[in-house]
Amino acid sequence: MNLLTDPRVHGCLVRLQRFVEQERDRLSPAVRSVLERKEVAADVFSVSAQERNEGFLKAHANSLPHALAAAR
């Protein structure tokens, strides 16, 4: 299983993304500068956490582990 389809990686990525979306204004300038780098922003923040989760669930609709990861 590759990292992009691993339900555990997906869960961690969505939790990180939700945290950043909610706490962006309170993050330190150093952390914000890393998150705003073009390569990080393009890979991680190209869609919202909700959109990422919905797409993941749709792509893996027949997999219980994937559905569980998306439901969390």
N, C-alpha and C. Protein backbone atom coordinates (compact mmCIF):
# COMPACT_ATOMS: atom_id res chain seq x y z
N MET A 1 0.86 -1.18 0.00
CA MET A 1 0.00 0.00 0.00
C MET A 1 0.90 1.23 0.00
N ASN A 2 0.62 2.18 -0.86
CA ASN A 2 1.47 3.37 -0.89
C ASN A 2 0.98 4.38 0.14
N LEU A 3 1.84 5.32 0.49
CA LEU A 3 1.53 6.27 1.56
C LEU A 3 0.28 7.10 1.28
N LEU A 4 0.03 7.42 0.03
CA LEU A 4 -1.13 8.26 -0.30
C LEU A 4 -2.45 7.54 -0.13
N THR A 5 -2.42 6.22 -0.11
CA THR A 5 -3.66 5.46 0.05
C THR A 5 -3.75 4.78 1.41
N ASP A 6 -2.74 4.89 2.23
CA ASP A 6 -2.74 4.27 3.55
C ASP A 6 -3.72 5.02 4.46
N PRO A 7 -4.71 4.34 5.03
CA PRO A 7 -5.71 5.02 5.86
C PRO A 7 -5.10 5.68 7.10
N ARG A 8 -4.02 5.13 7.64
CA ARG A 8 -3.38 5.73 8.81
C ARG A 8 -2.72 7.06 8.45
N VAL A 9 -2.06 7.09 7.31
CA VAL A 9 -1.43 8.33 6.85
C VAL A 9 -2.50 9.37 6.55
N HIS A 10 -3.56 8.94 5.91
CA HIS A 10 -4.66 9.86 5.61
C HIS A 10 -5.22 10.49 6.88
N GLY A 11 -5.44 9.68 7.90
CA GLY A 11 -5.97 10.20 9.16
C GLY A 11 -5.05 11.23 9.79
N CYS A 12 -3.76 10.95 9.78
CA CYS A 12 -2.79 11.91 10.34
C CYS A 12 -2.76 13.20 9.54
N LEU A 13 -2.80 13.09 8.22
CA LEU A 13 -2.75 14.27 7.37
C LEU A 13 -3.99 15.14 7.57
N VAL A 14 -5.15 14.53 7.66
CA VAL A 14 -6.38 15.30 7.86
C VAL A 14 -6.39 15.97 9.23
N ARG A 15 -5.92 15.27 10.26
CA ARG A 15 -5.85 15.89 11.59
C ARG A 15 -4.89 17.07 11.59
N LEU A 16 -3.73 16.92 10.95
CA LEU A 16 -2.78 18.03 10.84
C LEU A 16 -3.41 19.19 10.09
N GLN A 17 -4.04 18.89 8.98
CA GLN A 17 -4.63 19.94 8.16
C GLN A 17 -5.74 20.68 8.91
N ARG A 18 -6.59 19.96 9.62
CA ARG A 18 -7.65 20.62 10.40
C ARG A 18 -7.05 21.51 11.48
N PHE A 19 -6.01 21.01 12.15
CA PHE A 19 -5.35 21.80 13.19
C PHE A 19 -4.80 23.09 12.60
N VAL A 20 -4.11 22.99 11.48
CA VAL A 20 -3.52 24.18 10.85
C VAL A 20 -4.62 25.14 10.40
N GLU A 21 -5.68 24.61 9.82
CA GLU A 21 -6.79 25.47 9.37
C GLU A 21 -7.41 26.23 10.55
N GLN A 22 -7.51 25.59 11.71
CA GLN A 22 -8.14 26.21 12.87
C GLN A 22 -7.19 27.12 13.64
N GLU A 23 -5.91 26.80 13.65
CA GLU A 23 -4.95 27.50 14.51
C GLU A 23 -3.92 28.34 13.75
N ARG A 24 -4.09 28.53 12.47
CA ARG A 24 -3.08 29.21 11.64
C ARG A 24 -2.64 30.54 12.24
N ASP A 25 -3.56 31.32 12.74
CA ASP A 25 -3.22 32.64 13.27
C ASP A 25 -2.39 32.56 14.55
N ARG A 26 -2.44 31.45 15.24
CA ARG A 26 -1.71 31.32 16.51
C ARG A 26 -0.40 30.55 16.37
N LEU A 27 -0.09 30.09 15.16
CA LEU A 27 1.16 29.37 14.95
C LEU A 27 2.33 30.35 14.94
N SER A 28 3.49 29.87 15.34
CA SER A 28 4.67 30.74 15.35
C SER A 28 5.05 31.10 13.91
N PRO A 29 5.72 32.23 13.74
CA PRO A 29 6.14 32.63 12.39
C PRO A 29 7.01 31.57 11.70
N ALA A 30 7.85 30.88 12.45
CA ALA A 30 8.70 29.84 11.85
C ALA A 30 7.86 28.70 11.29
N VAL A 31 6.87 28.27 12.03
CA VAL A 31 6.00 27.19 11.56
C VAL A 31 5.20 27.65 10.35
N ARG A 32 4.66 28.86 10.41
CA ARG A 32 3.90 29.39 9.27
C ARG A 32 4.76 29.46 8.02
N SER A 33 6.03 29.86 8.17
CA SER A 33 6.89 29.98 6.98
C SER A 33 7.12 28.61 6.34
N VAL A 34 7.25 27.56 7.13
CA VAL A 34 7.40 26.21 6.58
C VAL A 34 6.13 25.79 5.87
N LEU A 35 4.99 26.02 6.50
CA LEU A 35 3.71 25.62 5.91
C LEU A 35 3.38 26.39 4.64
N GLU A 36 3.92 27.58 4.51
CA GLU A 36 3.62 28.41 3.35
C GLU A 36 4.58 28.19 2.18
N ARG A 37 5.59 27.35 2.37
CA ARG A 37 6.48 27.02 1.26
C ARG A 37 5.67 26.41 0.14
N LYS A 38 6.03 26.77 -1.06
CA LYS A 38 5.26 26.36 -2.23
C LYS A 38 5.05 24.85 -2.29
N GLU A 39 6.09 24.07 -2.04
CA GLU A 39 5.95 22.63 -2.17
C GLU A 39 5.07 22.03 -1.08
N VAL A 40 5.10 22.57 0.12
CA VAL A 40 4.25 22.08 1.20
C VAL A 40 2.81 22.51 0.95
N ALA A 41 2.63 23.77 0.63
CA ALA A 41 1.28 24.29 0.41
C ALA A 41 0.59 23.58 -0.75
N ALA A 42 1.32 23.30 -1.81
CA ALA A 42 0.72 22.65 -2.97
C ALA A 42 0.32 21.21 -2.66
N ASP A 43 1.14 20.50 -1.89
CA ASP A 43 0.86 19.09 -1.59
C ASP A 43 -0.19 18.92 -0.50
N VAL A 44 -0.10 19.71 0.53
CA VAL A 44 -0.94 19.50 1.70
C VAL A 44 -2.19 20.36 1.70
N PHE A 45 -2.07 21.60 1.30
CA PHE A 45 -3.17 22.54 1.45
C PHE A 45 -3.83 22.94 0.13
N SER A 46 -3.71 22.08 -0.87
CA SER A 46 -4.33 22.40 -2.16
C SER A 46 -5.85 22.26 -2.10
N VAL A 47 -6.35 21.47 -1.16
CA VAL A 47 -7.79 21.33 -0.91
C VAL A 47 -8.01 21.40 0.60
N SER A 48 -9.22 21.64 1.01
CA SER A 48 -9.52 21.69 2.44
C SER A 48 -9.49 20.27 3.02
N ALA A 49 -9.41 20.19 4.32
CA ALA A 49 -9.41 18.88 4.99
C ALA A 49 -10.70 18.12 4.68
N GLN A 50 -11.81 18.83 4.63
CA GLN A 50 -13.09 18.18 4.33
C GLN A 50 -13.10 17.64 2.91
N GLU A 51 -12.62 18.43 1.95
CA GLU A 51 -12.58 17.97 0.56
C GLU A 51 -11.64 16.76 0.41
N ARG A 52 -10.50 16.82 1.10
CA ARG A 52 -9.55 15.70 1.06
C ARG A 52 -10.22 14.44 1.61
N ASN A 53 -10.92 14.57 2.70
CA ASN A 53 -11.57 13.43 3.34
C ASN A 53 -12.67 12.85 2.44
N GLU A 54 -13.47 13.72 1.86
CA GLU A 54 -14.55 13.26 0.98
C GLU A 54 -14.00 12.52 -0.24
N GLY A 55 -12.93 13.06 -0.83
CA GLY A 55 -12.30 12.41 -1.98
C GLY A 55 -11.71 11.06 -1.62
N PHE A 56 -11.10 10.99 -0.44
CA PHE A 56 -10.51 9.74 0.03
C PHE A 56 -11.59 8.69 0.23
N LEU A 57 -12.68 9.08 0.84
CA LEU A 57 -13.78 8.15 1.08
C LEU A 57 -14.39 7.67 -0.24
N LYS A 58 -14.55 8.58 -1.18
CA LYS A 58 -15.11 8.21 -2.47
C LYS A 58 -14.17 7.25 -3.22
N ALA A 59 -12.87 7.50 -3.13
CA ALA A 59 -11.90 6.65 -3.83
C ALA A 59 -11.78 5.25 -3.21
N HIS A 60 -12.13 5.14 -1.93
CA HIS A 60 -11.97 3.86 -1.22
C HIS A 60 -13.29 3.44 -0.56
N ALA A 61 -14.37 3.63 -1.27
CA ALA A 61 -15.70 3.40 -0.71
C ALA A 61 -15.94 1.95 -0.28
N ASN A 62 -15.23 1.00 -0.85
CA ASN A 62 -15.46 -0.41 -0.55
C ASN A 62 -14.48 -0.98 0.47
N SER A 63 -13.75 -0.11 1.16
CA SER A 63 -12.75 -0.57 2.12
C SER A 63 -13.12 -0.11 3.52
N LEU A 64 -13.31 -1.06 4.41
CA LEU A 64 -13.67 -0.72 5.78
C LEU A 64 -12.58 0.08 6.50
N PRO A 65 -11.29 -0.29 6.40
CA PRO A 65 -10.26 0.52 7.07
C PRO A 65 -10.21 1.97 6.56
N HIS A 66 -10.42 2.15 5.26
CA HIS A 66 -10.42 3.49 4.69
C HIS A 66 -11.65 4.27 5.13
N ALA A 67 -12.79 3.61 5.17
CA ALA A 67 -14.02 4.28 5.61
C ALA A 67 -13.89 4.68 7.07
N LEU A 68 -13.29 3.84 7.88
CA LEU A 68 -13.08 4.17 9.30
C LEU A 68 -12.16 5.38 9.45
N ALA A 69 -11.07 5.41 8.68
CA ALA A 69 -10.14 6.55 8.73
C ALA A 69 -10.85 7.83 8.31
N ALA A 70 -11.68 7.77 7.30
CA ALA A 70 -12.39 8.96 6.84
C ALA A 70 -13.46 9.41 7.83
N ALA A 71 -14.00 8.47 8.60
CA ALA A 71 -15.07 8.81 9.54
C ALA A 71 -14.55 9.49 10.80
N ARG A 72 -13.28 9.32 11.09
CA ARG A 72 -12.71 9.90 12.32
C ARG A 72 -12.60 11.35 12.25
